[in-house]
Amino acid sequence: KKSFMLFKSDGTGNEEAWFEENGTCTLKQGGSYTYSYNPSTKEITETQNGVSIKVSLKSLSNSELSYSESVNNLDIGNGFFTGTWEVYFVKVPN
């Protein structure tokens, strides 16, 4: 399975985050969210289940989006990760 984030023009979206866990692809996070984008600061704020996160974009174009995020004890399937991870999305055809 592939992880994805879908940003709709109405400020809503949905996502699925899949990780490999002991040879099995497991859904670790998913659901609907709302978001806002500040073009002056190049920040996206995403709110899901009452929890908001804000990330600063490294790149944004019609075909890609990337950012860095500091995480603490992120469940990655076969353990936990603390540090900065790079997130990179590309647009795929429907």
Protein backbone atom coordinates (compact mmCIF):
# COMPACT_ATOMS: atom_id res chain seq x y z
CA LYS A 1 0.00 0.00 0.00
CA LYS A 2 1.06 3.59 -0.53
CA SER A 3 0.58 6.40 1.94
CA PHE A 4 -1.21 9.48 0.65
CA MET A 5 -2.56 12.87 1.59
CA LEU A 6 -5.37 14.42 -0.44
CA PHE A 7 -5.76 18.20 -0.21
CA LYS A 8 -9.12 19.38 -1.57
CA SER A 9 -9.73 22.96 -2.67
CA ASP A 10 -12.37 23.45 0.05
CA GLY A 11 -9.80 23.16 2.89
CA THR A 12 -10.55 19.52 3.70
CA GLY A 13 -8.69 16.34 2.93
CA ASN A 14 -7.96 12.78 3.94
CA GLU A 15 -4.89 10.66 4.45
CA GLU A 16 -3.57 7.18 5.00
CA ALA A 17 -0.12 6.42 6.44
CA TRP A 18 1.03 2.81 5.90
CA PHE A 19 4.10 1.19 7.50
CA GLU A 20 5.65 -2.21 7.13
CA GLU A 21 5.35 -4.20 10.33
CA ASN A 22 6.89 -7.69 10.43
CA GLY A 23 6.40 -8.09 6.67
CA THR A 24 2.81 -6.85 6.76
CA CYS A 25 1.62 -3.47 5.53
CA THR A 26 -0.27 -1.83 8.42
CA LEU A 27 -2.38 1.34 8.43
CA LYS A 28 -0.93 3.50 11.23
CA GLN A 29 -2.84 6.71 10.66
CA GLY A 30 -5.78 7.70 8.53
CA GLY A 31 -8.86 9.82 8.35
CA SER A 32 -10.24 13.19 7.40
CA TYR A 33 -8.78 16.56 8.31
CA THR A 34 -9.09 20.27 7.65
CA TYR A 35 -6.15 22.41 6.60
CA SER A 36 -5.09 25.95 5.86
CA TYR A 37 -2.12 27.24 3.90
CA ASN A 38 -0.30 30.52 4.58
CA PRO A 39 1.56 31.49 1.38
CA SER A 40 3.53 34.23 3.19
CA THR A 41 5.13 31.82 5.66
CA LYS A 42 4.76 28.69 3.45
CA GLU A 43 3.15 26.84 6.36
CA ILE A 44 0.37 24.27 6.31
CA THR A 45 -1.72 23.76 9.43
CA GLU A 46 -3.59 20.45 9.51
CA THR A 47 -6.25 19.67 12.13
CA GLN A 48 -7.41 16.11 12.69
CA ASN A 49 -9.47 14.87 15.66
CA GLY A 50 -8.99 18.21 17.44
CA VAL A 51 -5.18 18.10 17.18
CA SER A 52 -3.37 20.61 14.97
CA ILE A 53 0.11 20.39 13.50
CA LYS A 54 1.92 23.09 11.58
CA VAL A 55 4.71 22.33 9.10
CA SER A 56 6.92 24.62 7.02
CA LEU A 57 7.12 23.58 3.40
CA LYS A 58 10.50 23.00 1.79
CA SER A 59 8.98 22.82 -1.69
CA LEU A 60 5.55 23.22 -3.24
CA SER A 61 4.61 22.94 -6.90
CA ASN A 62 1.79 21.56 -9.04
CA SER A 63 3.37 18.11 -8.79
CA GLU A 64 5.13 17.88 -5.41
CA LEU A 65 5.09 18.92 -1.77
CA SER A 66 7.82 18.34 0.82
CA TYR A 67 8.51 19.36 4.39
CA SER A 68 10.58 18.47 7.45
CA GLU A 69 8.94 17.61 10.74
CA SER A 70 10.40 17.02 14.19
CA VAL A 71 8.80 14.00 15.83
CA ASN A 72 9.08 12.34 19.22
CA ASN A 73 8.41 8.62 19.65
CA LEU A 74 6.73 8.26 16.25
CA ASP A 75 5.45 4.70 15.83
CA ILE A 76 7.04 3.46 12.58
CA GLY A 77 5.81 -0.10 12.80
CA ASN A 78 8.88 -1.93 14.00
CA GLY A 79 9.91 0.62 16.64
CA PHE A 80 9.78 4.29 17.47
CA PHE A 81 11.64 7.24 15.92
CA THR A 82 12.64 10.53 17.52
CA GLY A 83 14.25 13.20 15.36
CA THR A 84 13.54 15.05 12.13
CA TRP A 85 12.04 13.22 9.19
CA GLU A 86 11.65 14.41 5.63
CA VAL A 87 8.22 14.00 4.06
CA TYR A 88 7.91 14.05 0.27
CA PHE A 89 4.71 13.70 -1.78
CA VAL A 90 4.29 13.60 -5.54
CA LYS A 91 1.06 14.05 -7.49
CA VAL A 92 -0.11 10.91 -9.23
CA PRO A 93 -2.72 10.65 -11.98
CA ASN A 94 -6.25 9.71 -10.88
